[in-house]
PDB file of N, CA and C in Angstrom:
ATOM      1  N   MET A   1      -6.204  -7.529  -4.208  1.00  0.00           N
ATOM      2  CA  MET A   1      -5.640  -6.172  -4.357  1.00  0.00           C
ATOM      3  C   MET A   1      -4.581  -5.862  -3.548  1.00  0.00           C
ATOM      4  N   ALA A   2      -3.440  -5.271  -4.044  1.00  0.00           N
ATOM      5  CA  ALA A   2      -2.156  -5.164  -3.188  1.00  0.00           C
ATOM      6  C   ALA A   2      -2.033  -3.736  -3.031  1.00  0.00           C
ATOM      7  N   TYR A   3      -1.733  -3.225  -1.944  1.00  0.00           N
ATOM      8  CA  TYR A   3      -1.533  -1.751  -1.541  1.00  0.00           C
ATOM      9  C   TYR A   3      -0.130  -1.650  -1.078  1.00  0.00           C
ATOM     10  N   GLN A   4       0.489  -0.505  -1.678  1.00  0.00           N
ATOM     11  CA  GLN A   4       1.817  -0.082  -1.241  1.00  0.00           C
ATOM     12  C   GLN A   4       1.558   1.212  -0.447  1.00  0.00           C
ATOM     13  N   ILE A   5       2.264   1.313   0.728  1.00  0.00           N
ATOM     14  CA  ILE A   5       2.112   2.389   1.416  1.00  0.00           C
ATOM     15  C   ILE A   5       3.599   2.972   1.591  1.00  0.00           C
ATOM     16  N   VAL A   6       3.889   4.127   1.389  1.00  0.00           N
ATOM     17  CA  VAL A   6       5.127   4.853   1.276  1.00  0.00           C
ATOM     18  C   VAL A   6       5.257   5.888   2.180  1.00  0.00           C
ATOM     19  N   THR A   7       6.064   5.916   3.185  1.00  0.00           N
ATOM     20  CA  THR A   7       6.242   6.906   4.237  1.00  0.00           C
ATOM     21  C   THR A   7       7.678   7.466   4.310  1.00  0.00           C
ATOM     22  N   LYS A   8       7.724   8.684   4.626  1.00  0.00           N
ATOM     23  CA  LYS A   8       9.021   9.129   4.923  1.00  0.00           C
ATOM     24  C   LYS A   8       9.423   9.797   6.283  1.00  0.00           C
ATOM     25  N   SER A   9      10.562   9.553   6.899  1.00  0.00           N
ATOM     26  CA  SER A   9      10.708   9.858   8.173  1.00  0.00           C
ATOM     27  C   SER A   9      12.407  10.343   8.050  1.00  0.00           C
ATOM     28  N   ASP A  10      12.688  10.856   9.291  1.00  0.00           N
ATOM     29  CA  ASP A  10      14.139  11.426   9.217  1.00  0.00           C
ATOM     30  C   ASP A  10      15.301  10.186   8.747  1.00  0.00           C
ATOM     31  N   ASP A  11      14.829   8.937   8.991  1.00  0.00           N
ATOM     32  CA  ASP A  11      15.751   7.652   8.691  1.00  0.00           C
ATOM     33  C   ASP A  11      15.548   7.472   7.113  1.00  0.00           C
ATOM     34  N   GLY A  12      14.688   8.007   6.339  1.00  0.00           N
ATOM     35  CA  GLY A  12      14.523   7.675   4.908  1.00  0.00           C
ATOM     36  C   GLY A  12      13.180   7.388   4.625  1.00  0.00           C
ATOM     37  N   GLU A  13      12.922   6.647   3.436  1.00  0.00           N
ATOM     38  CA  GLU A  13      11.659   6.205   3.010  1.00  0.00           C
ATOM     39  C   GLU A  13      11.518   4.826   3.372  1.00  0.00           C
ATOM     40  N   THR A  14      10.286   4.454   3.778  1.00  0.00           N
ATOM     41  CA  THR A  14       9.939   3.051   4.052  1.00  0.00           C
ATOM     42  C   THR A  14       8.672   2.841   3.060  1.00  0.00           C
ATOM     43  N   ALA A  15       8.679   1.457   2.505  1.00  0.00           N
ATOM     44  CA  ALA A  15       7.582   1.017   1.613  1.00  0.00           C
ATOM     45  C   ALA A  15       7.001  -0.238   2.250  1.00  0.00           C
ATOM     46  N   VAL A  16       5.807  -0.356   2.519  1.00  0.00           N
ATOM     47  CA  VAL A  16       5.218  -1.734   2.893  1.00  0.00           C
ATOM     48  C   VAL A  16       3.986  -2.023   2.008  1.00  0.00           C
ATOM     49  N   PHE A  17       3.854  -3.307   2.096  1.00  0.00           N
ATOM     50  CA  PHE A  17       2.765  -3.777   1.313  1.00  0.00           C
ATOM     51  C   PHE A  17       1.778  -4.427   2.141  1.00  0.00           C
ATOM     52  N   THR A  18       0.547  -4.351   1.784  1.00  0.00           N
ATOM     53  CA  THR A  18      -0.563  -5.050   2.616  1.00  0.00           C
ATOM     54  C   THR A  18      -1.648  -5.257   1.496  1.00  0.00           C
ATOM     55  N   ASP A  19      -2.423  -6.385   2.030  1.00  0.00           N
ATOM     56  CA  ASP A  19      -3.656  -6.582   1.354  1.00  0.00           C
ATOM     57  C   ASP A  19      -4.835  -6.015   1.754  1.00  0.00           C
ATOM     58  N   CYS A  20      -4.743  -5.336   2.952  1.00  0.00           N
ATOM     59  CA  CYS A  20      -5.970  -4.698   3.642  1.00  0.00           C
ATOM     60  C   CYS A  20      -5.483  -3.196   4.122  1.00  0.00           C
ATOM     61  N   LEU A  21      -6.095  -2.372   3.257  1.00  0.00           N
ATOM     62  CA  LEU A  21      -5.675  -1.031   3.730  1.00  0.00           C
ATOM     63  C   LEU A  21      -6.412  -0.622   4.940  1.00  0.00           C
ATOM     64  N   THR A  22      -7.540  -1.088   5.206  1.00  0.00           N
ATOM     65  CA  THR A  22      -8.360  -0.599   6.316  1.00  0.00           C
ATOM     66  C   THR A  22      -7.601  -1.111   7.724  1.00  0.00           C
ATOM     67  N   THR A  23      -7.037  -2.331   7.658  1.00  0.00           N
ATOM     68  CA  THR A  23      -6.203  -2.843   8.741  1.00  0.00           C
ATOM     69  C   THR A  23      -4.967  -2.098   8.840  1.00  0.00           C
ATOM     70  N   TRP A  24      -4.403  -1.584   7.874  1.00  0.00           N
ATOM     71  CA  TRP A  24      -3.013  -0.926   7.932  1.00  0.00           C
ATOM     72  C   TRP A  24      -3.393   0.321   8.473  1.00  0.00           C
ATOM     73  N   ALA A  25      -4.411   1.100   8.056  1.00  0.00           N
ATOM     74  CA  ALA A  25      -4.971   2.396   8.577  1.00  0.00           C
ATOM     75  C   ALA A  25      -5.104   2.263   9.993  1.00  0.00           C
ATOM     76  N   THR A  26      -5.936   1.375  10.534  1.00  0.00           N
ATOM     77  CA  THR A  26      -6.140   1.383  12.047  1.00  0.00           C
ATOM     78  C   THR A  26      -5.054   1.133  12.824  1.00  0.00           C
ATOM     79  N   GLU A  27      -4.193   0.269  12.101  1.00  0.00           N
ATOM     80  CA  GLU A  27      -2.804  -0.202  13.013  1.00  0.00           C
ATOM     81  C   GLU A  27      -1.820   1.109  13.088  1.00  0.00           C
ATOM     82  N   ASN A  28      -1.931   1.896  12.167  1.00  0.00           N
ATOM     83  CA  ASN A  28      -1.043   2.986  12.043  1.00  0.00           C
ATOM     84  C   ASN A  28      -1.641   4.375  12.084  1.00  0.00           C
ATOM     85  N   TYR A  29      -2.789   4.414  12.715  1.00  0.00           N
ATOM     86  CA  TYR A  29      -3.441   5.609  12.961  1.00  0.00           C
ATOM     87  C   TYR A  29      -3.792   6.644  12.051  1.00  0.00           C
ATOM     88  N   ALA A  30      -4.015   6.067  10.948  1.00  0.00           N
ATOM     89  CA  ALA A  30      -4.259   6.716   9.566  1.00  0.00           C
ATOM     90  C   ALA A  30      -5.800   6.904   9.427  1.00  0.00           C
ATOM     91  N   GLU A  31      -6.266   8.006   8.857  1.00  0.00           N
ATOM     92  CA  GLU A  31      -7.697   8.180   8.884  1.00  0.00           C
ATOM     93  C   GLU A  31      -8.196   8.021   7.282  1.00  0.00           C
ATOM     94  N   ILE A  32      -9.075   6.916   7.018  1.00  0.00           N
ATOM     95  CA  ILE A  32      -9.674   6.871   5.855  1.00  0.00           C
ATOM     96  C   ILE A  32     -10.631   7.709   5.932  1.00  0.00           C
ATOM     97  N   THR A  33     -10.594   8.906   4.551  1.00  0.00           N
ATOM     98  CA  THR A  33     -11.574   9.951   4.614  1.00  0.00           C
ATOM     99  C   THR A  33     -12.626   9.930   3.335  1.00  0.00           C
ATOM    100  N   GLY A  34     -12.664   8.719   2.521  1.00  0.00           N
ATOM    101  CA  GLY A  34     -13.445   8.745   1.647  1.00  0.00           C
ATOM    102  C   GLY A  34     -13.074   7.789   0.538  1.00  0.00           C
ATOM    103  N   THR A  35     -13.704   8.013  -0.716  1.00  0.00           N
ATOM    104  CA  THR A  35     -13.187   7.076  -1.811  1.00  0.00           C
ATOM    105  C   THR A  35     -12.790   7.899  -3.086  1.00  0.00           C
ATOM    106  N   SER A  36     -12.007   7.436  -3.778  1.00  0.00           N
ATOM    107  CA  SER A  36     -11.568   8.030  -5.114  1.00  0.00           C
ATOM    108  C   SER A  36     -12.540   7.959  -6.178  1.00  0.00           C
ATOM    109  N   ALA A  37     -12.820   9.148  -6.632  1.00  0.00           N
ATOM    110  CA  ALA A  37     -13.989   9.093  -7.701  1.00  0.00           C
ATOM    111  C   ALA A  37     -13.564   9.968  -8.939  1.00  0.00           C
ATOM    112  N   ASN A  38     -12.303  10.393  -9.115  1.00  0.00           N
ATOM    113  CA  ASN A  38     -11.774  11.081 -10.258  1.00  0.00           C
ATOM    114  C   ASN A  38     -11.912  10.383 -11.464  1.00  0.00           C
ATOM    115  N   PRO A  39     -12.812  10.896 -12.451  1.00  0.00           N
ATOM    116  CA  PRO A  39     -13.101  10.185 -13.601  1.00  0.00           C
ATOM    117  C   PRO A  39     -11.698  10.041 -14.590  1.00  0.00           C
ATOM    118  N   ARG A  40     -10.869  11.018 -14.313  1.00  0.00           N
ATOM    119  CA  ARG A  40      -9.622  11.018 -15.172  1.00  0.00           C
ATOM    120  C   ARG A  40      -8.657  10.247 -14.714  1.00  0.00           C
ATOM    121  N   THR A  41      -8.763   9.308 -13.898  1.00  0.00           N
ATOM    122  CA  THR A  41      -7.855   8.494 -13.365  1.00  0.00           C
ATOM    123  C   THR A  41      -8.128   7.016 -13.797  1.00  0.00           C
ATOM    124  N   ARG A  42      -7.322   6.196 -13.545  1.00  0.00           N
ATOM    125  CA  ARG A  42      -7.424   4.540 -14.274  1.00  0.00           C
ATOM    126  C   ARG A  42      -8.692   4.019 -13.607  1.00  0.00           C
ATOM    127  N   ALA A  43      -9.484   3.252 -14.193  1.00  0.00           N
ATOM    128  CA  ALA A  43     -10.567   2.503 -13.446  1.00  0.00           C
ATOM    129  C   ALA A  43      -9.957   1.649 -12.341  1.00  0.00           C
ATOM    130  N   GLU A  44      -8.823   1.299 -12.454  1.00  0.00           N
ATOM    131  CA  GLU A  44      -8.380   0.437 -11.235  1.00  0.00           C
ATOM    132  C   GLU A  44      -8.372   1.113  -9.781  1.00  0.00           C
ATOM    133  N   LEU A  45      -8.394   2.691 -10.116  1.00  0.00           N
ATOM    134  CA  LEU A  45      -8.125   3.378  -8.879  1.00  0.00           C
ATOM    135  C   LEU A  45      -9.748   3.935  -8.385  1.00  0.00           C
ATOM    136  N   GLN A  46     -10.506   3.832  -9.100  1.00  0.00           N
ATOM    137  CA  GLN A  46     -11.894   4.179  -8.712  1.00  0.00           C
ATOM    138  C   GLN A  46     -12.580   3.444  -7.543  1.00  0.00           C
ATOM    139  N   GLY A  47     -13.127   4.053  -6.602  1.00  0.00           N
ATOM    140  CA  GLY A  47     -13.925   3.620  -5.562  1.00  0.00           C
ATOM    141  C   GLY A  47     -12.845   2.935  -4.395  1.00  0.00           C
ATOM    142  N   HIS A  48     -11.573   3.330  -4.429  1.00  0.00           N
ATOM    143  CA  HIS A  48     -10.702   2.934  -3.397  1.00  0.00           C
ATOM    144  C   HIS A  48     -10.459   3.939  -2.421  1.00  0.00           C
ATOM    145  N   PRO A  49     -10.312   3.823  -1.261  1.00  0.00           N
ATOM    146  CA  PRO A  49     -10.052   4.650  -0.076  1.00  0.00           C
ATOM    147  C   PRO A  49      -9.125   5.709  -0.440  1.00  0.00           C
ATOM    148  N   THR A  50      -9.428   7.075   0.191  1.00  0.00           N
ATOM    149  CA  THR A  50      -8.442   7.888   0.243  1.00  0.00           C
ATOM    150  C   THR A  50      -8.193   8.064   1.752  1.00  0.00           C
ATOM    151  N   MET A  51      -7.045   8.724   2.034  1.00  0.00           N
ATOM    152  CA  MET A  51      -6.598   8.984   3.429  1.00  0.00           C
ATOM    153  C   MET A  51      -6.020  10.262   3.838  1.00  0.00           C
ATOM    154  N   ALA A  52      -6.369  10.884   5.010  1.00  0.00           N
ATOM    155  CA  ALA A  52      -5.786  12.082   5.173  1.00  0.00           C
ATOM    156  C   ALA A  52      -4.324  12.081   5.336  1.00  0.00           C
ATOM    157  N   GLY A  53      -3.661  12.941   4.762  1.00  0.00           N
ATOM    158  CA  GLY A  53      -2.196  13.201   4.880  1.00  0.00           C
ATOM    159  C   GLY A  53      -1.411  12.203   3.958  1.00  0.00           C
ATOM    160  N   PHE A  54      -2.108  11.704   2.983  1.00  0.00           N
ATOM    161  CA  PHE A  54      -1.545  10.888   2.029  1.00  0.00           C
ATOM    162  C   PHE A  54      -2.040  11.039   0.517  1.00  0.00           C
ATOM    163  N   VAL A  55      -1.235  11.069  -0.365  1.00  0.00           N
ATOM    164  CA  VAL A  55      -1.616  11.212  -1.756  1.00  0.00           C
ATOM    165  C   VAL A  55      -1.917   9.552  -2.379  1.00  0.00           C
ATOM    166  N   GLY A  56      -3.073   9.529  -3.074  1.00  0.00           N
ATOM    167  CA  GLY A  56      -3.464   8.209  -3.384  1.00  0.00           C
ATOM    168  C   GLY A  56      -4.989   8.184  -3.425  1.00  0.00           C
ATOM    169  N   PRO A  57      -5.219   7.128  -3.949  1.00  0.00           N
ATOM    170  CA  PRO A  57      -4.755   6.017  -4.496  1.00  0.00           C
ATOM    171  C   PRO A  57      -3.838   6.268  -5.995  1.00  0.00           C
ATOM    172  N   CYS A  58      -2.696   5.790  -5.894  1.00  0.00           N
ATOM    173  CA  CYS A  58      -1.962   6.050  -7.262  1.00  0.00           C
ATOM    174  C   CYS A  58      -1.667   4.609  -7.896  1.00  0.00           C
ATOM    175  N   TRP A  59      -1.403   4.704  -9.127  1.00  0.00           N
ATOM    176  CA  TRP A  59      -1.159   3.445 -10.022  1.00  0.00           C
ATOM    177  C   TRP A  59       0.269   3.052  -9.595  1.00  0.00           C
ATOM    178  N   GLY A  60       0.573   1.791  -9.193  1.00  0.00           N
ATOM    179  CA  GLY A  60       1.755   1.134  -8.642  1.00  0.00           C
ATOM    180  C   GLY A  60       2.212  -0.064  -9.447  1.00  0.00           C
ATOM    181  N   GLY A  61       1.385  -0.194 -10.561  1.00  0.00           N
ATOM    182  CA  GLY A  61       1.925  -1.343 -11.465  1.00  0.00           C
ATOM    183  C   GLY A  61       1.063  -2.754 -11.181  1.00  0.00           C
ATOM    184  N   TRP A  62       1.725  -3.717 -11.423  1.00  0.00           N
ATOM    185  CA  TRP A  62       1.127  -5.028 -11.283  1.00  0.00           C
ATOM    186  C   TRP A  62       2.117  -6.036 -10.399  1.00  0.00           C
ATOM    187  N   THR A  63       1.426  -6.923  -9.539  1.00  0.00           N
ATOM    188  CA  THR A  63       2.054  -7.707  -8.898  1.00  0.00           C
ATOM    189  C   THR A  63       2.681  -9.050  -9.875  1.00  0.00           C
ATOM    190  N   ALA A  64       3.422  -9.777  -9.255  1.00  0.00           N
ATOM    191  CA  ALA A  64       3.959 -11.044  -9.974  1.00  0.00           C
ATOM    192  C   ALA A  64       2.769 -11.784 -10.419  1.00  0.00           C
ATOM    193  N   THR A  65       1.845 -11.859  -9.773  1.00  0.00           N
ATOM    194  CA  THR A  65       0.595 -12.598 -10.133  1.00  0.00           C
ATOM    195  C   THR A  65      -0.385 -11.829 -11.090  1.00  0.00           C
ATOM    196  N   GLY A  66      -0.157 -10.626 -11.447  1.00  0.00           N
ATOM    197  CA  GLY A  66      -1.142 -10.159 -12.205  1.00  0.00           C
ATOM    198  C   GLY A  66      -2.130  -9.131 -11.700  1.00  0.00           C
ATOM    199  N   ASP A  67      -2.214  -8.965 -10.039  1.00  0.00           N
ATOM    200  CA  ASP A  67      -2.972  -8.111  -9.470  1.00  0.00           C
ATOM    201  C   ASP A  67      -2.576  -6.590  -9.691  1.00  0.00           C
ATOM    202  N   PRO A  68      -3.385  -5.615  -9.617  1.00  0.00           N
ATOM    203  CA  PRO A  68      -3.063  -4.330  -9.526  1.00  0.00           C
ATOM    204  C   PRO A  68      -2.388  -3.829  -8.079  1.00  0.00           C
ATOM    205  N   ILE A  69      -1.446  -3.041  -8.252  1.00  0.00           N
ATOM    206  CA  ILE A  69      -0.840  -2.316  -6.893  1.00  0.00           C
ATOM    207  C   ILE A  69      -1.383  -1.044  -6.884  1.00  0.00           C
ATOM    208  N   LEU A  70      -2.227  -0.662  -5.859  1.00  0.00           N
ATOM    209  CA  LEU A  70      -2.360   0.808  -5.598  1.00  0.00           C
ATOM    210  C   LEU A  70      -1.315   1.508  -4.469  1.00  0.00           C
ATOM    211  N   ARG A  71      -0.812   2.659  -4.787  1.00  0.00           N
ATOM    212  CA  ARG A  71       0.114   3.097  -3.933  1.00  0.00           C
ATOM    213  C   ARG A  71      -0.477   4.412  -3.362  1.00  0.00           C
ATOM    214  N   TYR A  72       0.031   4.607  -2.171  1.00  0.00           N
ATOM    215  CA  TYR A  72      -0.336   5.595  -1.321  1.00  0.00           C
ATOM    216  C   TYR A  72       1.167   6.212  -0.782  1.00  0.00           C
ATOM    217  N   GLU A  73       1.136   7.473  -0.818  1.00  0.00           N
ATOM    218  CA  GLU A  73       2.373   8.009  -0.389  1.00  0.00           C
ATOM    219  C   GLU A  73       2.135   9.181   0.737  1.00  0.00           C
ATOM    220  N   ASP A  74       2.675   9.218   1.786  1.00  0.00           N
ATOM    221  CA  ASP A  74       2.554  10.498   2.711  1.00  0.00           C
ATOM    222  C   ASP A  74       2.961  11.690   2.082  1.00  0.00           C
ATOM    223  N   THR A  75       2.704  12.871   2.452  1.00  0.00           N
ATOM    224  CA  THR A  75       2.802  14.056   1.815  1.00  0.00           C
ATOM    225  C   THR A  75       4.405  14.260   1.703  1.00  0.00           C
ATOM    226  N   ALA A  76       5.203  13.863   2.786  1.00  0.00           N
ATOM    227  CA  ALA A  76       6.563  13.979   2.732  1.00  0.00           C
ATOM    228  C   ALA A  76       7.331  13.248   1.621  1.00  0.00           C
ATOM    229  N   ALA A  77       6.909  11.923   1.727  1.00  0.00           N
ATOM    230  CA  ALA A  77       7.395  11.122   0.428  1.00  0.00           C
ATOM    231  C   ALA A  77       7.101  11.521  -0.721  1.00  0.00           C
ATOM    232  N   TYR A  78       5.764  12.156  -1.060  1.00  0.00           N
ATOM    233  CA  TYR A  78       5.374  12.540  -2.393  1.00  0.00           C
ATOM    234  C   TYR A  78       6.180  13.672  -2.691  1.00  0.00           C
ATOM    235  N   ALA A  79       6.210  14.718  -1.832  1.00  0.00           N
ATOM    236  CA  ALA A  79       7.081  15.704  -2.074  1.00  0.00           C
ATOM    237  C   ALA A  79       8.493  15.400  -2.492  1.00  0.00           C
ATOM    238  N   ALA A  80       9.171  14.568  -1.773  1.00  0.00           N
ATOM    239  CA  ALA A  80      10.491  14.210  -2.076  1.00  0.00           C
ATOM    240  C   ALA A  80      10.579  13.551  -3.431  1.00  0.00           C
ATOM    241  N   ASN A  81       9.581  12.745  -3.914  1.00  0.00           N
ATOM    242  CA  ASN A  81       9.626  12.062  -5.128  1.00  0.00           C
ATOM    243  C   ASN A  81       9.075  12.941  -6.388  1.00  0.00           C
ATOM    244  N   CYS A  82       8.647  14.035  -6.184  1.00  0.00           N
ATOM    245  CA  CYS A  82       7.970  14.833  -7.213  1.00  0.00           C
ATOM    246  C   CYS A  82       9.151  15.751  -7.846  1.00  0.00           C
ATOM    247  N   ILE A  83      10.222  15.550  -7.868  1.00  0.00           N
ATOM    248  CA  ILE A  83      11.362  16.520  -8.148  1.00  0.00           C
ATOM    249  C   ILE A  83      11.286  16.266  -9.611  1.00  0.00           C
TER     250      ILE A  83
END
């Protein structure tokens, strides 16, 4: 599973990819708050972590090898991209 995390700062947006969301959250002081269980979303999103201050998991497409990408955006990046 590939995770894409998008954050926004005064310098602009940054997107990073990781294979382990738990490790990324720990290293970046993000809090995992639960799991996604919205039955109206794609099956690939079910059961994956939710994080405080982030929108996600969201569908991010497929990797070159065919693995799903789950995207998380901090609230500032989400607001900037929802125009």
